[in-house]
Amino acid sequence: METAASGLEPGLYIVAGPIGNLGDLTPRAAEVLRLADVVAVEDTRVSARLLRHAGSDRPMIPYHDHSAEGVRARLVERMAAESVALLSDAGTPLISDPGYKLVRDARAAGRKVTTLPGPSAAIAALTLSGLPTDRFLFMGFLPAKAKARGDALDEVAALRATLVFYESGPRLSESLAAMAEHLGDREATVSREISKAFEETATGMLTTLSARYADAPPKGEIVVIVGPPGEAPPASAEDADAALREALERLPVSKAAGEVAKKLGLDRRALYARAMEIKGE
């Protein structure tokens, strides 16, 4: 592999930056920011401070969700002979931002793609939450409109996993109330200013947290962690009958009983007997 003028191999370097405390920038990330031929950033004003901290004087080029397709194409073209560092305003690039398109196109063009792991607000908030972390789903920002927001929450309401959301201060109370309405009033945490001087994690039920922030929207970047649903109540006889009647329209008795037993967690032999009764009605 040829070496770019900077001393780095040509290609794309995905650089995770701090989410607050500049001391969280890794030595390897700082070295790439000092050596890269160009640094693609969301906001040059925000990234300039980090580059100064890293001792970097490398040129920056804006690259964000509103960049023209040509900007991405030119960056991929430059990667053939130059090293391009991708840096978000905070944390790991591509997490709730558009960088994946640059990675996709770089790979399609046969460019080298390397990631430099580091801070992520979503993972940091999970570690602060005290909620289950063995299975979680990152939801990013919920839609602004109530209908679309409710639909997004309804899609994951039954999922037995901890949910991770990004949110802004002005929308926080309303979003927490919507979560309580569509997910049920679950345990949750609200983390803000992670790794900064005024880091705070508030814990409580969704309705309690919504009321807490109703009249005092917080500032800073916010991560909401919502615990998984509680154990579902056991299926009733009516539920079993309804499921069996639907399954029997598609399947023979034995298979219908097996399907419903697996779906509702009920005894297969009892369901088979009930399915035979339904068949005979």
Protein backbone atom coordinates (compact mmCIF):
# COMPACT_ATOMS: atom_id res chain seq x y z
CA MET A 1 0.00 0.00 0.00
CA GLU A 2 1.38 3.40 -0.95
CA THR A 3 1.74 6.08 1.72
CA ALA A 4 0.12 9.51 1.52
CA ALA A 5 2.22 12.64 1.90
CA SER A 6 1.06 12.82 5.52
CA GLY A 7 2.67 9.49 6.43
CA LEU A 8 -0.69 7.72 6.79
CA GLU A 9 -1.90 5.18 4.26
CA PRO A 10 -4.48 6.69 1.89
CA GLY A 11 -8.08 6.05 2.84
CA LEU A 12 -10.79 6.96 5.33
CA TYR A 13 -10.14 7.19 9.07
CA ILE A 14 -13.29 7.29 11.26
CA VAL A 15 -12.16 9.22 14.36
CA ALA A 16 -14.16 9.11 17.60
CA GLY A 17 -13.84 12.41 19.43
CA PRO A 18 -14.76 13.36 23.02
CA ILE A 19 -18.40 13.84 24.00
CA GLY A 20 -17.42 16.52 26.51
CA ASN A 21 -14.08 16.27 28.26
CA LEU A 22 -11.29 16.86 25.74
CA GLY A 23 -9.07 14.57 27.80
CA ASP A 24 -11.08 11.61 26.47
CA LEU A 25 -9.47 11.96 23.02
CA THR A 26 -7.26 8.90 22.55
CA PRO A 27 -3.58 9.31 21.66
CA ARG A 28 -4.14 7.35 18.43
CA ALA A 29 -7.03 9.62 17.43
CA ALA A 30 -4.92 12.71 18.14
CA GLU A 31 -2.12 11.33 15.98
CA VAL A 32 -4.45 10.75 13.03
CA LEU A 33 -5.87 14.26 13.37
CA ARG A 34 -2.32 15.63 13.27
CA LEU A 35 -1.29 13.55 10.25
CA ALA A 36 -4.37 13.33 8.02
CA ASP A 37 -4.25 15.21 4.72
CA VAL A 38 -7.74 16.57 5.36
CA VAL A 39 -10.32 16.35 8.17
CA ALA A 40 -14.00 16.11 7.19
CA VAL A 41 -16.09 17.70 9.95
CA GLU A 42 -19.72 18.56 10.74
CA ASP A 43 -18.96 22.10 11.95
CA THR A 44 -15.54 23.70 11.47
CA ARG A 45 -16.08 25.99 14.48
CA VAL A 46 -16.70 23.04 16.82
CA SER A 47 -13.93 20.86 15.42
CA ALA A 48 -11.34 23.65 15.39
CA ARG A 49 -11.21 23.53 19.20
CA LEU A 50 -10.55 19.78 19.20
CA LEU A 51 -7.90 20.04 16.50
CA ARG A 52 -6.10 22.72 18.54
CA HIS A 53 -6.22 20.41 21.57
CA ALA A 54 -4.74 17.60 19.45
CA GLY A 55 -2.00 19.90 18.15
CA SER A 56 -3.34 19.61 14.61
CA ASP A 57 -3.18 22.26 11.91
CA ARG A 58 -4.67 20.07 9.19
CA PRO A 59 -7.19 21.61 6.79
CA MET A 60 -10.88 20.98 7.43
CA ILE A 61 -13.68 20.47 4.95
CA PRO A 62 -17.37 20.62 6.00
CA TYR A 63 -19.20 17.32 5.55
CA HIS A 64 -22.66 16.86 7.03
CA ASP A 65 -26.23 15.82 6.26
CA HIS A 66 -26.79 18.77 3.93
CA SER A 67 -23.58 18.37 1.92
CA ALA A 68 -24.03 17.99 -1.81
CA GLU A 69 -23.41 14.55 -3.35
CA GLY A 70 -20.38 16.05 -5.08
CA VAL A 71 -18.66 16.73 -1.77
CA ARG A 72 -18.79 13.06 -0.85
CA ALA A 73 -17.63 12.00 -4.33
CA ARG A 74 -14.64 14.35 -4.14
CA LEU A 75 -13.66 13.04 -0.71
CA VAL A 76 -13.80 9.44 -1.96
CA GLU A 77 -11.69 10.45 -4.96
CA ARG A 78 -9.09 12.05 -2.68
CA MET A 79 -8.86 8.84 -0.63
CA ALA A 80 -7.11 7.17 -3.55
CA ALA A 81 -3.92 9.10 -2.72
CA GLU A 82 -4.67 10.95 0.53
CA SER A 83 -5.73 10.21 4.09
CA VAL A 84 -9.15 11.61 5.06
CA ALA A 85 -10.20 11.75 8.72
CA LEU A 86 -13.95 11.83 9.47
CA LEU A 87 -14.84 13.68 12.68
CA SER A 88 -18.28 14.43 14.16
CA ASP A 89 -19.08 17.30 16.51
CA ALA A 90 -19.00 14.89 19.46
CA GLY A 91 -18.47 11.19 20.02
CA THR A 92 -18.27 8.47 17.40
CA PRO A 93 -19.10 9.42 13.79
CA LEU A 94 -21.98 7.58 12.04
CA ILE A 95 -23.99 7.25 15.30
CA SER A 96 -27.11 9.28 14.47
CA ASP A 97 -25.35 11.21 11.71
CA PRO A 98 -24.95 10.70 7.94
CA GLY A 99 -21.38 9.39 7.77
CA TYR A 100 -22.43 5.89 6.74
CA LYS A 101 -22.86 7.10 3.14
CA LEU A 102 -19.21 8.12 3.02
CA VAL A 103 -18.13 4.73 4.36
CA ARG A 104 -20.40 2.93 1.89
CA ASP A 105 -19.05 4.84 -1.09
CA ALA A 106 -15.45 4.54 0.08
CA ARG A 107 -15.78 0.76 0.32
CA ALA A 108 -17.47 0.58 -3.08
CA ALA A 109 -14.50 2.45 -4.55
CA GLY A 110 -12.05 0.04 -2.93
CA ARG A 111 -10.64 2.58 -0.46
CA LYS A 112 -9.10 1.58 2.89
CA VAL A 113 -11.51 2.24 5.78
CA THR A 114 -10.25 2.29 9.38
CA THR A 115 -12.06 3.16 12.60
CA LEU A 116 -10.49 4.61 15.75
CA PRO A 117 -12.85 3.60 18.59
CA GLY A 118 -13.67 6.02 21.37
CA PRO A 119 -16.49 7.76 23.25
CA SER A 120 -20.17 7.32 22.38
CA ALA A 121 -22.92 9.11 24.33
CA ALA A 122 -25.31 6.18 23.85
CA ILE A 123 -22.94 3.64 25.40
CA ALA A 124 -21.81 6.04 28.15
CA ALA A 125 -25.44 6.68 29.18
CA LEU A 126 -26.16 2.95 29.22
CA THR A 127 -23.34 2.42 31.69
CA LEU A 128 -24.74 5.18 33.91
CA SER A 129 -28.34 3.95 33.80
CA GLY A 130 -28.26 0.89 36.03
CA LEU A 131 -30.76 -0.69 33.62
CA PRO A 132 -30.23 -4.01 31.78
CA THR A 133 -27.51 -3.77 29.13
CA ASP A 134 -27.43 -7.34 27.84
CA ARG A 135 -29.86 -6.42 25.03
CA PHE A 136 -30.52 -2.87 23.86
CA LEU A 137 -31.77 -0.97 20.82
CA PHE A 138 -30.49 2.44 19.73
CA MET A 139 -33.41 4.56 18.51
CA GLY A 140 -31.65 7.88 17.87
CA PHE A 141 -33.93 10.93 17.80
CA LEU A 142 -37.68 10.32 17.72
CA PRO A 143 -39.71 12.11 15.00
CA ALA A 144 -40.89 15.60 15.93
CA LYS A 145 -44.55 15.07 14.95
CA ALA A 146 -46.76 13.29 17.49
CA LYS A 147 -48.24 10.73 15.07
CA ALA A 148 -44.88 9.63 13.67
CA ARG A 149 -43.36 9.60 17.16
CA GLY A 150 -46.17 7.40 18.47
CA ASP A 151 -45.85 5.03 15.53
CA ALA A 152 -42.09 4.67 16.14
CA LEU A 153 -42.68 3.87 19.81
CA ASP A 154 -45.49 1.42 19.06
CA GLU A 155 -43.12 -0.55 16.82
CA VAL A 156 -40.81 -1.34 19.73
CA ALA A 157 -43.26 -1.42 22.66
CA ALA A 158 -43.23 -5.21 22.96
CA LEU A 159 -39.48 -5.62 22.41
CA ARG A 160 -37.80 -7.08 25.49
CA ALA A 161 -34.80 -4.79 25.36
CA THR A 162 -33.56 -1.55 26.90
CA LEU A 163 -34.17 1.40 24.55
CA VAL A 164 -31.74 4.26 23.93
CA PHE A 165 -32.89 7.66 22.65
CA TYR A 166 -31.19 10.97 21.90
CA GLU A 167 -33.25 14.04 22.75
CA SER A 168 -33.08 17.82 23.02
CA GLY A 169 -34.03 19.88 26.07
CA PRO A 170 -37.10 21.66 24.64
CA ARG A 171 -38.64 18.34 23.51
CA LEU A 172 -37.62 16.24 26.50
CA SER A 173 -40.75 16.39 28.70
CA GLU A 174 -43.11 15.83 25.78
CA SER A 175 -41.05 12.90 24.50
CA LEU A 176 -40.92 11.27 27.95
CA ALA A 177 -44.71 11.60 28.21
CA ALA A 178 -45.12 9.99 24.77
CA MET A 179 -42.83 7.13 25.81
CA ALA A 180 -44.96 6.54 28.92
CA GLU A 181 -48.13 6.56 26.81
CA HIS A 182 -46.91 4.15 24.12
CA LEU A 183 -44.43 1.98 26.05
CA GLY A 184 -46.03 1.98 29.49
CA ASP A 185 -44.70 3.75 32.56
CA ARG A 186 -41.27 2.12 32.78
CA GLU A 187 -38.06 2.77 34.67
CA ALA A 188 -35.86 5.25 32.82
CA THR A 189 -32.88 7.57 33.14
CA VAL A 190 -32.06 10.95 31.65
CA SER A 191 -28.33 11.66 31.27
CA ARG A 192 -26.94 15.01 30.20
CA GLU A 193 -23.57 16.74 29.94
CA ILE A 194 -21.81 13.36 30.11
CA SER A 195 -18.09 13.73 31.04
CA LYS A 196 -18.52 17.49 31.54
CA ALA A 197 -18.43 19.51 34.76
CA PHE A 198 -22.20 19.41 35.28
CA GLU A 199 -22.82 15.76 34.34
CA GLU A 200 -26.19 14.60 35.64
CA THR A 201 -28.21 11.39 35.50
CA ALA A 202 -31.79 11.51 36.77
CA THR A 203 -33.62 8.24 37.45
CA GLY A 204 -37.31 7.44 37.87
CA MET A 205 -40.44 6.34 36.07
CA LEU A 206 -41.16 7.94 32.71
CA THR A 207 -44.12 9.94 34.01
CA THR A 208 -42.10 11.24 36.96
CA LEU A 209 -39.24 12.31 34.73
CA SER A 210 -41.64 13.97 32.28
CA ALA A 211 -43.11 16.05 35.11
CA ARG A 212 -39.64 16.92 36.41
CA TYR A 213 -38.62 18.53 33.15
CA ALA A 214 -42.01 20.01 32.14
CA ASP A 215 -41.26 23.48 33.49
CA ALA A 216 -37.48 23.34 33.40
CA PRO A 217 -36.15 21.96 30.10
CA PRO A 218 -32.46 21.08 30.59
CA LYS A 219 -29.62 22.27 28.40
CA GLY A 220 -26.93 20.19 26.77
CA GLU A 221 -26.91 16.89 24.92
CA ILE A 222 -29.37 14.39 26.40
CA VAL A 223 -29.63 10.60 26.32
CA VAL A 224 -32.77 8.83 27.56
CA ILE A 225 -32.50 5.17 28.58
CA VAL A 226 -35.78 3.25 28.98
CA GLY A 227 -35.85 -0.16 30.65
CA PRO A 228 -37.47 -3.21 29.02
CA PRO A 229 -41.15 -4.03 29.65
CA GLY A 230 -42.15 -6.09 32.67
CA GLU A 231 -43.27 -9.67 32.37
CA ALA A 232 -46.36 -9.97 30.18
CA PRO A 233 -49.49 -11.28 31.93
CA PRO A 234 -50.32 -14.91 31.13
CA ALA A 235 -52.58 -15.43 28.15
CA SER A 236 -56.26 -15.87 29.01
CA ALA A 237 -58.56 -18.63 27.75
CA GLU A 238 -60.13 -16.05 25.45
CA ASP A 239 -56.71 -15.18 24.03
CA ALA A 240 -55.96 -18.86 23.43
CA ASP A 241 -59.32 -19.47 21.72
CA ALA A 242 -58.90 -16.45 19.46
CA ALA A 243 -55.40 -17.54 18.48
CA LEU A 244 -56.50 -21.12 17.86
CA ARG A 245 -59.46 -20.09 15.70
CA GLU A 246 -57.18 -17.94 13.56
CA ALA A 247 -54.52 -20.67 13.27
CA LEU A 248 -57.09 -23.34 12.40
CA GLU A 249 -58.10 -21.33 9.34
CA ARG A 250 -54.58 -21.93 7.99
CA LEU A 251 -53.27 -25.09 9.62
CA PRO A 252 -54.32 -28.62 10.66
CA VAL A 253 -55.14 -29.13 14.34
CA SER A 254 -51.72 -30.40 15.44
CA LYS A 255 -49.77 -27.61 13.80
CA ALA A 256 -52.24 -24.96 14.96
CA ALA A 257 -51.86 -26.12 18.56
CA GLY A 258 -48.07 -26.10 18.24
CA GLU A 259 -48.00 -22.60 16.79
CA VAL A 260 -50.23 -21.15 19.50
CA ALA A 261 -48.35 -22.97 22.27
CA LYS A 262 -45.09 -21.40 21.12
CA LYS A 263 -46.64 -17.97 20.64
CA LEU A 264 -48.48 -17.76 23.98
CA GLY A 265 -46.32 -20.03 26.13
CA LEU A 266 -49.20 -22.43 26.88
CA ASP A 267 -49.39 -26.23 27.13
CA ARG A 268 -49.54 -27.82 23.69
CA ARG A 269 -51.61 -30.86 24.74
CA ALA A 270 -54.30 -28.70 26.35
CA LEU A 271 -54.37 -26.51 23.24
CA TYR A 272 -54.66 -29.58 21.00
CA ALA A 273 -57.69 -30.78 22.99
CA ARG A 274 -59.29 -27.35 22.82
CA ALA A 275 -58.56 -27.12 19.07
CA MET A 276 -60.37 -30.45 18.54
CA GLU A 277 -63.38 -29.04 20.45
CA ILE A 278 -63.38 -25.93 18.26
CA LYS A 279 -63.16 -28.08 15.15
CA GLY A 280 -66.21 -30.01 16.30
CA GLU A 281 -68.36 -26.94 16.97
